[in-house]
Every structure is written in C-alpha cells, then in structure tokens.
N, C-alpha and C. Protein backbone atom coordinates (compact mmCIF):
# COMPACT_ATOMS: atom_id res chain seq x y z
N MET A 1 96.07 98.83 73.71
CA MET A 1 94.74 98.44 74.12
C MET A 1 94.06 99.54 74.90
N SER A 2 94.53 99.84 76.13
CA SER A 2 93.95 100.93 76.91
C SER A 2 94.95 101.38 77.95
N GLU A 3 94.76 102.58 78.45
CA GLU A 3 95.60 103.14 79.50
C GLU A 3 94.74 103.40 80.73
N HIS A 4 95.34 103.26 81.91
CA HIS A 4 94.59 103.41 83.16
C HIS A 4 95.41 104.32 84.06
N LYS A 5 94.98 105.57 84.16
CA LYS A 5 95.77 106.60 84.84
C LYS A 5 95.19 106.94 86.21
N ILE A 6 96.09 107.31 87.08
CA ILE A 6 95.73 107.84 88.39
C ILE A 6 96.62 109.05 88.64
N ASP A 7 96.23 109.89 89.57
CA ASP A 7 97.09 110.97 90.06
C ASP A 7 97.36 110.67 91.53
N LEU A 8 98.62 110.79 91.92
CA LEU A 8 99.02 110.55 93.30
C LEU A 8 99.69 111.81 93.81
N GLU A 9 99.34 112.21 95.04
CA GLU A 9 99.96 113.40 95.61
C GLU A 9 100.21 113.18 97.09
N TRP A 10 101.44 113.52 97.52
CA TRP A 10 101.83 113.45 98.92
C TRP A 10 102.38 114.81 99.30
N GLN A 11 102.02 115.30 100.48
CA GLN A 11 102.53 116.56 101.01
C GLN A 11 103.19 116.27 102.34
N GLY A 12 104.44 116.68 102.47
CA GLY A 12 105.15 116.51 103.73
C GLY A 12 104.69 117.50 104.77
N SER A 13 105.00 117.19 105.99
CA SER A 13 104.71 118.09 107.10
C SER A 13 105.96 118.18 107.95
N SER A 14 106.08 119.24 108.71
CA SER A 14 107.29 119.40 109.51
C SER A 14 107.30 118.38 110.65
N HIS A 15 108.48 117.82 110.87
CA HIS A 15 108.67 116.85 111.93
C HIS A 15 110.15 116.76 112.26
N SER A 16 110.45 116.14 113.35
CA SER A 16 111.84 115.96 113.73
C SER A 16 112.48 114.90 112.84
N PRO A 17 113.60 115.21 112.18
CA PRO A 17 114.21 114.23 111.28
C PRO A 17 114.64 112.94 111.99
N LYS A 18 114.88 113.00 113.29
CA LYS A 18 115.31 111.82 114.02
C LYS A 18 114.16 110.83 114.26
N GLU A 19 112.95 111.31 114.22
CA GLU A 19 111.81 110.47 114.58
C GLU A 19 111.23 109.67 113.42
N SER A 20 111.57 110.01 112.21
CA SER A 20 111.01 109.32 111.04
C SER A 20 109.49 109.23 111.12
N ASN A 21 108.89 110.34 111.53
CA ASN A 21 107.44 110.32 111.71
C ASN A 21 106.71 111.10 110.63
N TYR A 22 107.27 111.14 109.43
CA TYR A 22 106.57 111.81 108.33
C TYR A 22 105.26 111.07 108.04
N THR A 23 104.32 111.79 107.51
CA THR A 23 103.03 111.18 107.21
C THR A 23 103.16 110.21 106.04
N ARG A 24 102.48 109.11 106.17
CA ARG A 24 102.42 108.14 105.08
C ARG A 24 101.17 108.36 104.23
N ASN A 25 100.27 109.20 104.71
CA ASN A 25 99.01 109.46 104.00
C ASN A 25 99.28 110.22 102.71
N HIS A 26 98.56 109.84 101.68
CA HIS A 26 98.65 110.51 100.39
C HIS A 26 97.33 110.33 99.66
N ALA A 27 97.10 111.14 98.66
CA ALA A 27 95.84 111.10 97.92
C ALA A 27 96.06 110.43 96.57
N VAL A 28 95.14 109.54 96.23
CA VAL A 28 95.12 108.93 94.91
C VAL A 28 93.79 109.30 94.27
N SER A 29 93.88 109.98 93.13
CA SER A 29 92.68 110.37 92.39
C SER A 29 92.52 109.45 91.20
N PHE A 30 91.32 108.90 91.09
CA PHE A 30 91.00 108.01 89.98
C PHE A 30 90.25 108.75 88.88
N SER A 31 89.68 109.89 89.23
CA SER A 31 88.96 110.75 88.28
C SER A 31 88.82 112.10 88.96
N ASP A 32 88.12 113.01 88.31
CA ASP A 32 87.91 114.32 88.92
C ASP A 32 87.04 114.24 90.17
N THR A 33 86.27 113.18 90.30
CA THR A 33 85.33 113.09 91.43
C THR A 33 85.64 111.98 92.42
N VAL A 34 86.59 111.11 92.11
CA VAL A 34 86.89 110.00 93.02
C VAL A 34 88.33 110.12 93.50
N GLN A 35 88.46 110.39 94.80
CA GLN A 35 89.77 110.50 95.42
C GLN A 35 89.77 109.66 96.69
N VAL A 36 90.85 108.93 96.92
CA VAL A 36 90.97 108.08 98.10
C VAL A 36 92.25 108.47 98.83
N THR A 37 92.14 108.61 100.15
CA THR A 37 93.34 108.81 100.96
C THR A 37 93.91 107.44 101.28
N VAL A 38 95.16 107.25 100.93
CA VAL A 38 95.85 105.97 101.09
C VAL A 38 97.02 106.19 102.04
N SER A 39 97.42 105.14 102.73
CA SER A 39 98.54 105.22 103.65
C SER A 39 99.31 103.91 103.58
N SER A 40 100.37 103.81 104.34
CA SER A 40 101.02 102.51 104.47
C SER A 40 100.26 101.71 105.52
N ALA A 41 100.53 100.43 105.60
CA ALA A 41 99.88 99.58 106.60
C ALA A 41 100.28 100.07 107.99
N PRO A 42 99.43 99.86 108.99
CA PRO A 42 99.76 100.29 110.35
C PRO A 42 101.11 99.74 110.85
N GLU A 43 101.47 98.54 110.40
CA GLU A 43 102.75 97.97 110.80
C GLU A 43 103.94 98.79 110.31
N TYR A 44 103.69 99.64 109.31
CA TYR A 44 104.73 100.50 108.74
C TYR A 44 104.42 101.97 108.99
N LYS A 45 103.84 102.23 110.17
CA LYS A 45 103.54 103.58 110.66
C LYS A 45 102.48 104.29 109.84
N GLY A 46 101.60 103.51 109.20
CA GLY A 46 100.53 104.09 108.42
C GLY A 46 99.26 104.32 109.22
N ASP A 47 98.33 104.98 108.59
CA ASP A 47 97.05 105.31 109.20
C ASP A 47 96.12 104.10 109.07
N PRO A 48 95.68 103.51 110.19
CA PRO A 48 94.82 102.33 110.13
C PRO A 48 93.43 102.62 109.54
N ASN A 49 93.08 103.90 109.39
CA ASN A 49 91.79 104.26 108.82
C ASN A 49 91.82 104.41 107.30
N CYS A 50 92.98 104.18 106.71
CA CYS A 50 93.13 104.33 105.26
C CYS A 50 93.52 102.99 104.64
N PRO A 51 93.09 102.75 103.40
CA PRO A 51 93.57 101.55 102.72
C PRO A 51 95.07 101.68 102.46
N ASP A 52 95.75 100.54 102.43
CA ASP A 52 97.18 100.54 102.12
C ASP A 52 97.41 99.89 100.76
N PRO A 53 98.59 100.04 100.17
CA PRO A 53 98.84 99.49 98.84
C PRO A 53 98.61 97.98 98.75
N GLU A 54 98.91 97.25 99.82
CA GLU A 54 98.70 95.81 99.80
C GLU A 54 97.21 95.47 99.72
N GLN A 55 96.39 96.23 100.44
CA GLN A 55 94.94 96.04 100.35
C GLN A 55 94.44 96.42 98.96
N LEU A 56 94.98 97.48 98.39
CA LEU A 56 94.55 97.90 97.06
C LEU A 56 94.91 96.86 96.01
N LEU A 57 96.08 96.24 96.14
CA LEU A 57 96.46 95.17 95.21
C LEU A 57 95.51 93.98 95.38
N THR A 58 95.23 93.61 96.62
CA THR A 58 94.31 92.51 96.88
C THR A 58 92.92 92.82 96.33
N SER A 59 92.46 94.05 96.52
CA SER A 59 91.13 94.41 96.01
C SER A 59 91.12 94.45 94.49
N ALA A 60 92.21 94.89 93.86
CA ALA A 60 92.27 94.92 92.40
C ALA A 60 92.17 93.50 91.84
N LEU A 61 92.89 92.56 92.46
CA LEU A 61 92.83 91.17 92.00
C LEU A 61 91.44 90.59 92.21
N ALA A 62 90.86 90.79 93.39
CA ALA A 62 89.54 90.25 93.69
C ALA A 62 88.48 90.84 92.76
N SER A 63 88.56 92.13 92.51
CA SER A 63 87.61 92.80 91.64
C SER A 63 87.74 92.30 90.20
N CYS A 64 88.97 92.18 89.71
CA CYS A 64 89.20 91.69 88.35
C CYS A 64 88.69 90.26 88.21
N HIS A 65 88.99 89.41 89.19
CA HIS A 65 88.52 88.02 89.15
C HIS A 65 87.00 87.98 89.11
N MET A 66 86.35 88.79 89.97
CA MET A 66 84.89 88.80 90.00
C MET A 66 84.31 89.26 88.67
N LEU A 67 84.83 90.35 88.12
CA LEU A 67 84.30 90.86 86.85
C LEU A 67 84.48 89.85 85.72
N THR A 68 85.60 89.15 85.73
CA THR A 68 85.83 88.11 84.71
C THR A 68 84.89 86.94 84.94
N PHE A 69 84.70 86.53 86.20
CA PHE A 69 83.77 85.46 86.54
C PHE A 69 82.36 85.82 86.06
N LEU A 70 81.92 87.04 86.35
CA LEU A 70 80.57 87.47 85.95
C LEU A 70 80.39 87.40 84.43
N ALA A 71 81.42 87.82 83.70
CA ALA A 71 81.33 87.80 82.23
C ALA A 71 81.23 86.37 81.71
N ILE A 72 82.03 85.47 82.27
CA ILE A 72 82.02 84.07 81.82
C ILE A 72 80.70 83.40 82.20
N ALA A 73 80.25 83.63 83.43
CA ALA A 73 78.98 83.04 83.87
C ALA A 73 77.84 83.51 82.96
N ASP A 74 77.84 84.79 82.62
CA ASP A 74 76.80 85.33 81.74
C ASP A 74 76.86 84.67 80.36
N LEU A 75 78.06 84.51 79.82
CA LEU A 75 78.21 83.86 78.51
C LEU A 75 77.69 82.42 78.53
N LYS A 76 77.80 81.78 79.68
CA LYS A 76 77.36 80.39 79.81
C LYS A 76 75.87 80.29 80.18
N GLY A 77 75.21 81.44 80.32
CA GLY A 77 73.78 81.43 80.59
C GLY A 77 73.40 81.35 82.05
N PHE A 78 74.36 81.58 82.95
CA PHE A 78 74.07 81.58 84.38
C PHE A 78 73.84 83.02 84.83
N ARG A 79 72.82 83.22 85.64
CA ARG A 79 72.52 84.55 86.15
C ARG A 79 73.02 84.66 87.58
N VAL A 80 74.00 85.51 87.78
CA VAL A 80 74.53 85.75 89.12
C VAL A 80 73.71 86.85 89.75
N GLU A 81 73.15 86.57 90.92
CA GLU A 81 72.37 87.58 91.65
C GLU A 81 73.25 88.38 92.60
N SER A 82 74.22 87.72 93.21
CA SER A 82 75.14 88.44 94.10
C SER A 82 76.47 87.71 94.16
N TYR A 83 77.50 88.47 94.43
CA TYR A 83 78.86 87.94 94.53
C TYR A 83 79.54 88.74 95.63
N ARG A 84 80.02 88.04 96.63
CA ARG A 84 80.74 88.67 97.74
C ARG A 84 82.05 87.93 97.91
N ASP A 85 83.10 88.65 98.24
CA ASP A 85 84.40 88.00 98.43
C ASP A 85 85.04 88.56 99.69
N ARG A 86 85.67 87.70 100.42
CA ARG A 86 86.45 88.08 101.61
C ARG A 86 87.90 87.69 101.31
N ALA A 87 88.57 88.50 100.51
CA ALA A 87 89.91 88.18 100.03
C ALA A 87 90.98 88.59 101.05
N THR A 88 92.10 87.86 101.02
CA THR A 88 93.23 88.15 101.90
C THR A 88 94.51 88.09 101.08
N GLY A 89 95.30 89.15 101.16
CA GLY A 89 96.63 89.17 100.57
C GLY A 89 97.66 88.95 101.66
N PHE A 90 98.65 88.13 101.39
CA PHE A 90 99.66 87.79 102.40
C PHE A 90 101.00 88.43 102.04
N LEU A 91 101.45 89.36 102.89
CA LEU A 91 102.75 89.97 102.74
C LEU A 91 103.74 89.09 103.49
N GLU A 92 104.62 88.45 102.74
CA GLU A 92 105.58 87.51 103.32
C GLU A 92 106.92 87.71 102.62
N ARG A 93 107.93 87.04 103.11
CA ARG A 93 109.23 87.07 102.43
C ARG A 93 109.15 86.17 101.21
N GLY A 94 109.51 86.73 100.07
CA GLY A 94 109.52 85.96 98.84
C GLY A 94 110.82 85.20 98.67
N ASP A 95 110.99 84.57 97.53
CA ASP A 95 112.20 83.80 97.24
C ASP A 95 113.46 84.66 97.34
N SER A 96 113.34 85.94 97.05
CA SER A 96 114.48 86.85 97.11
C SER A 96 114.81 87.26 98.54
N GLY A 97 113.94 86.91 99.48
CA GLY A 97 114.12 87.31 100.87
C GLY A 97 113.48 88.65 101.18
N ARG A 98 112.94 89.30 100.17
CA ARG A 98 112.30 90.60 100.36
C ARG A 98 110.79 90.42 100.55
N PRO A 99 110.18 91.35 101.31
CA PRO A 99 108.73 91.26 101.48
C PRO A 99 108.01 91.47 100.15
N GLN A 100 107.00 90.68 99.93
CA GLN A 100 106.14 90.82 98.75
C GLN A 100 104.81 90.15 99.04
N ILE A 101 103.80 90.51 98.27
CA ILE A 101 102.54 89.78 98.35
C ILE A 101 102.80 88.45 97.65
N THR A 102 102.91 87.39 98.43
CA THR A 102 103.26 86.08 97.87
C THR A 102 102.04 85.30 97.42
N ARG A 103 100.90 85.58 98.06
CA ARG A 103 99.69 84.85 97.69
C ARG A 103 98.47 85.67 98.08
N ILE A 104 97.41 85.41 97.34
CA ILE A 104 96.13 86.05 97.61
C ILE A 104 95.07 84.95 97.62
N GLU A 105 94.31 84.92 98.69
CA GLU A 105 93.23 83.95 98.81
C GLU A 105 91.90 84.65 98.57
N LEU A 106 91.14 84.13 97.64
CA LEU A 106 89.79 84.61 97.36
C LEU A 106 88.80 83.67 98.01
N ARG A 107 87.77 84.22 98.62
CA ARG A 107 86.72 83.43 99.25
C ARG A 107 85.36 83.89 98.74
N PRO A 108 85.10 83.63 97.47
CA PRO A 108 83.84 84.14 96.92
C PRO A 108 82.63 83.37 97.43
N CYS A 109 81.56 84.11 97.63
CA CYS A 109 80.26 83.55 97.98
C CYS A 109 79.30 84.08 96.91
N ILE A 110 78.78 83.17 96.10
CA ILE A 110 78.01 83.55 94.93
C ILE A 110 76.60 82.98 95.03
N VAL A 111 75.62 83.81 94.71
CA VAL A 111 74.23 83.38 94.65
C VAL A 111 73.79 83.49 93.20
N PHE A 112 73.28 82.38 92.68
CA PHE A 112 72.78 82.33 91.31
C PHE A 112 71.27 82.37 91.35
N GLY A 113 70.68 82.98 90.34
CA GLY A 113 69.24 83.01 90.19
C GLY A 113 68.85 82.37 88.87
N GLY A 114 67.58 82.30 88.62
CA GLY A 114 67.10 81.74 87.37
C GLY A 114 67.00 80.23 87.40
N GLU A 115 66.53 79.70 86.29
CA GLU A 115 66.32 78.26 86.20
C GLU A 115 67.60 77.48 86.00
N LYS A 116 68.54 78.03 85.24
CA LYS A 116 69.79 77.33 84.96
C LYS A 116 70.77 77.55 86.11
N GLN A 117 71.03 76.50 86.86
CA GLN A 117 71.90 76.58 88.02
C GLN A 117 73.18 75.78 87.77
N PRO A 118 74.34 76.36 88.03
CA PRO A 118 75.58 75.61 87.84
C PRO A 118 75.82 74.65 89.00
N ASP A 119 76.42 73.50 88.69
CA ASP A 119 76.83 72.61 89.77
C ASP A 119 78.22 73.02 90.23
N ALA A 120 78.73 72.36 91.25
CA ALA A 120 80.03 72.72 91.82
C ALA A 120 81.15 72.63 90.78
N ALA A 121 81.09 71.63 89.91
CA ALA A 121 82.13 71.47 88.89
C ALA A 121 82.11 72.64 87.90
N ALA A 122 80.91 73.09 87.52
CA ALA A 122 80.79 74.22 86.59
C ALA A 122 81.34 75.50 87.23
N ILE A 123 81.03 75.70 88.51
CA ILE A 123 81.52 76.89 89.21
C ILE A 123 83.05 76.86 89.27
N LYS A 124 83.60 75.69 89.55
CA LYS A 124 85.05 75.55 89.60
C LYS A 124 85.68 75.86 88.24
N ARG A 125 85.06 75.40 87.16
CA ARG A 125 85.57 75.69 85.81
C ARG A 125 85.50 77.19 85.49
N ILE A 126 84.41 77.82 85.92
CA ILE A 126 84.29 79.26 85.68
C ILE A 126 85.37 80.02 86.45
N HIS A 127 85.62 79.63 87.70
CA HIS A 127 86.69 80.26 88.48
C HIS A 127 88.05 80.05 87.81
N ALA A 128 88.31 78.85 87.32
CA ALA A 128 89.59 78.58 86.66
C ALA A 128 89.75 79.45 85.41
N SER A 129 88.69 79.58 84.65
CA SER A 129 88.73 80.42 83.45
C SER A 129 88.86 81.89 83.83
N ALA A 130 88.17 82.31 84.89
CA ALA A 130 88.27 83.69 85.35
C ALA A 130 89.70 84.00 85.76
N HIS A 131 90.33 83.08 86.47
CA HIS A 131 91.72 83.30 86.88
C HIS A 131 92.64 83.38 85.67
N LYS A 132 92.45 82.49 84.73
CA LYS A 132 93.29 82.46 83.53
C LYS A 132 93.15 83.74 82.71
N ASN A 133 91.98 84.35 82.73
CA ASN A 133 91.71 85.52 81.90
C ASN A 133 91.72 86.85 82.66
N CYS A 134 91.96 86.82 83.95
CA CYS A 134 91.98 88.04 84.77
C CYS A 134 93.24 88.85 84.45
N PHE A 135 93.07 90.10 84.05
CA PHE A 135 94.20 90.95 83.69
C PHE A 135 95.18 91.11 84.85
N ILE A 136 94.66 91.30 86.05
CA ILE A 136 95.52 91.53 87.21
C ILE A 136 96.27 90.25 87.58
N ALA A 137 95.58 89.11 87.57
CA ALA A 137 96.25 87.84 87.89
C ALA A 137 97.38 87.58 86.91
N ASN A 138 97.20 88.00 85.66
CA ASN A 138 98.24 87.81 84.65
C ASN A 138 99.38 88.81 84.79
N SER A 139 99.24 89.76 85.71
CA SER A 139 100.23 90.82 85.87
C SER A 139 101.08 90.69 87.13
N ILE A 140 100.75 89.77 88.00
CA ILE A 140 101.45 89.67 89.28
C ILE A 140 102.09 88.30 89.46
N LYS A 141 103.05 88.23 90.39
CA LYS A 141 103.72 86.97 90.69
C LYS A 141 103.05 86.17 91.78
N ALA A 142 102.19 86.82 92.57
CA ALA A 142 101.56 86.14 93.72
C ALA A 142 100.71 84.96 93.26
N LYS A 143 100.73 83.92 94.08
CA LYS A 143 99.87 82.76 93.85
C LYS A 143 98.45 83.15 94.25
N VAL A 144 97.47 82.74 93.45
CA VAL A 144 96.08 83.06 93.73
C VAL A 144 95.32 81.77 93.96
N ASP A 145 94.65 81.66 95.10
CA ASP A 145 93.82 80.50 95.42
C ASP A 145 92.38 80.94 95.57
N VAL A 146 91.47 80.18 94.96
CA VAL A 146 90.05 80.41 95.15
C VAL A 146 89.59 79.31 96.11
N LEU A 147 89.18 79.71 97.30
CA LEU A 147 88.80 78.76 98.34
C LEU A 147 87.29 78.61 98.40
N ASP A 148 86.86 77.44 98.78
CA ASP A 148 85.44 77.21 98.99
C ASP A 148 85.00 77.93 100.25
N THR A 149 83.80 78.50 100.19
CA THR A 149 83.31 79.19 101.38
C THR A 149 82.15 78.43 101.99
C-alpha cells in the first residue's frame, strides 16, 4: 500500500559512566525540511521541552482519528469548521506487568457549519466508524475512548 519513513539520529556526549546521564535527546526527520528534537519523558531523565515517544504515539492516534472523522463527516455531507482534541495517553503496567500505553482518551471538540447539522447520535456513529477505520487504532493494543467534552 504505502511506506512511511523517518530518519532518527542520536549523538552521544561524554559523561561519567556511573551517572547514567547520557542525553535522551535525538532528532527525528520526517522530510528534508521537517525535523523534530525528541527525548524521553521527564520521568525517564528526558528533556521536558521536547516531545516524548508516548506523546508522539498519542498524537499519531488522535491525528489519525481526526483525519478519518473528517473524511467520514464529509462523505455524509457534514461540514466541519474546526476540530480540536485534548488527548491523553496513559503509560501504565499492562497485563504482562511491563509499562505500556494501555489507553488513550480522546476529547474532541468539533464545530460544524452549514445547514446540515449532525445530532449527538450521528456524531457518535461517525466517531465509532472513525475508530474502526483509523490505521493507527488498528495497529496498537491500547484501548481508545472518545469522551464527550
């Protein structure tokens, strides 16, 4: 179908081996012009000014859900004027006892325009279909909840 490539690069710096204070910062390039400095979460000695992998996974799921929602809403004749989400990914101990993103909560706030307005039941159906058809949701084990805002 398609391939989605990134380039990742990490450079070490000198430090005392006893301190385990190597940098967690690394560069992820999505194209020749888009590069993001990523780190581990602050709880794991990462840079709080950089996104961490858990945030990137949460954002990938939220973005995929939104894009799928927009496509379905458009097919149904609804015009979305804006879509905002305040998503949260939860790093918890999974069934194996190891840390994993066990669940992601989406909190979309959607504004529709035009004459054709969906009711709450239609919006819920579109979210259910978006979740079912979201590439990222179909790729992860985490439970995904769409919460009312």
